Amino acid sequence: MQWQLVTHEGLTHSGMIVEENNGQIVLGNLEGVLTKVKTKEIESRIAQPKSIMPAKLVDLLTTEEFRDLVAYLESLR
C-alpha cells in the first residue's frame, strides 16, 4: 500500500512503508530510494487509494516473466 506522510513543516513524502520502529518510518519509493521520517515529525499519515502496481503490467512482461510472477504470488499463500 502506498502512503503519504506530511510533516509539521509541510513536507510531503510518499511511498511504501518498509520499516516502522524506533520512532521513525522508512518509506521506499518506486525508484528504490528510502526516506526516513521521525514519527514525532508527522502531522498526517494518509493511505493512498491508488495501487503502485503499474497499469497493464501484463503487457510489459514476457510470458515467462508473467508465469514467474504468478508462481511467486501463489507461493505466498
Protein backbone atom coordinates (compact mmCIF):
# COMPACT_ATOMS: atom_id res chain seq x y z
CA MET A 1 0.00 0.00 0.00
CA GLN A 2 1.19 3.49 -0.85
CA TRP A 3 1.28 6.10 1.95
CA GLN A 4 1.60 9.85 2.06
CA LEU A 5 3.22 11.40 5.11
CA VAL A 6 3.01 15.14 5.77
CA THR A 7 5.33 16.64 8.37
CA HIS A 8 4.61 19.54 10.71
CA GLU A 9 6.88 21.61 8.43
CA GLY A 10 4.61 20.88 5.45
CA LEU A 11 6.94 18.44 3.66
CA THR A 12 5.23 15.56 1.87
CA HIS A 13 6.77 12.10 1.50
CA SER A 14 5.18 9.22 -0.42
CA GLY A 15 5.98 5.53 -0.72
CA MET A 16 5.52 2.09 0.76
CA ILE A 17 6.30 1.64 4.44
CA VAL A 18 9.43 -0.50 4.52
CA GLU A 19 10.04 -0.28 8.24
CA GLU A 20 8.35 1.31 11.22
CA ASN A 21 10.12 1.26 14.58
CA ASN A 22 12.48 3.16 16.86
CA GLY A 23 10.39 6.30 16.46
CA GLN A 24 10.71 6.51 12.70
CA ILE A 25 9.09 5.36 9.48
CA VAL A 26 11.13 4.35 6.45
CA LEU A 27 9.38 4.83 3.11
CA GLY A 28 10.55 3.27 -0.15
CA ASN A 29 9.55 4.80 -3.48
CA LEU A 30 9.29 3.16 -6.92
CA GLU A 31 12.92 4.02 -7.70
CA GLY A 32 14.07 2.21 -4.56
CA VAL A 33 15.02 5.40 -2.71
CA LEU A 34 14.47 5.15 1.06
CA THR A 35 13.31 8.14 3.11
CA LYS A 36 13.38 8.17 6.91
CA VAL A 37 10.83 10.32 8.74
CA LYS A 38 10.72 10.64 12.52
CA THR A 39 7.31 9.68 13.86
CA LYS A 40 7.12 12.77 16.08
CA GLU A 41 7.52 14.99 12.97
CA ILE A 42 4.47 13.51 11.18
CA GLU A 43 1.33 15.64 11.13
CA SER A 44 -0.74 13.30 8.95
CA ARG A 45 -0.47 9.81 7.51
CA ILE A 46 -2.81 9.03 4.62
CA ALA A 47 -3.26 5.71 2.82
CA GLN A 48 -3.36 6.29 -0.93
CA PRO A 49 -6.20 4.52 -2.75
CA LYS A 50 -4.24 4.07 -5.98
CA SER A 51 -2.08 0.97 -6.31
CA ILE A 52 1.60 1.43 -7.08
CA MET A 53 1.38 -1.56 -9.43
CA PRO A 54 1.91 -0.26 -12.96
CA ALA A 55 -1.21 -0.20 -15.13
CA LYS A 56 -1.34 -3.04 -17.67
CA LEU A 57 1.67 -4.75 -16.08
CA VAL A 58 0.88 -7.91 -18.04
CA ASP A 59 1.59 -6.05 -21.28
CA LEU A 60 5.08 -5.18 -20.03
CA LEU A 61 6.10 -8.76 -19.18
CA THR A 62 7.17 -11.66 -21.32
CA THR A 63 5.15 -14.87 -20.96
CA GLU A 64 7.92 -16.39 -18.85
CA GLU A 65 8.12 -13.33 -16.57
CA PHE A 66 4.35 -13.41 -16.11
CA ARG A 67 4.41 -17.11 -15.21
CA ASP A 68 7.22 -16.46 -12.73
CA LEU A 69 5.22 -13.63 -11.16
CA VAL A 70 2.11 -15.79 -10.79
CA ALA A 71 4.18 -18.66 -9.34
CA TYR A 72 5.75 -16.28 -6.82
CA LEU A 73 2.38 -14.85 -5.79
CA GLU A 74 0.98 -18.37 -5.40
CA SER A 75 3.93 -19.28 -3.16
CA LEU A 76 2.92 -16.53 -0.72
CA ARG A 77 -0.36 -18.25 0.19
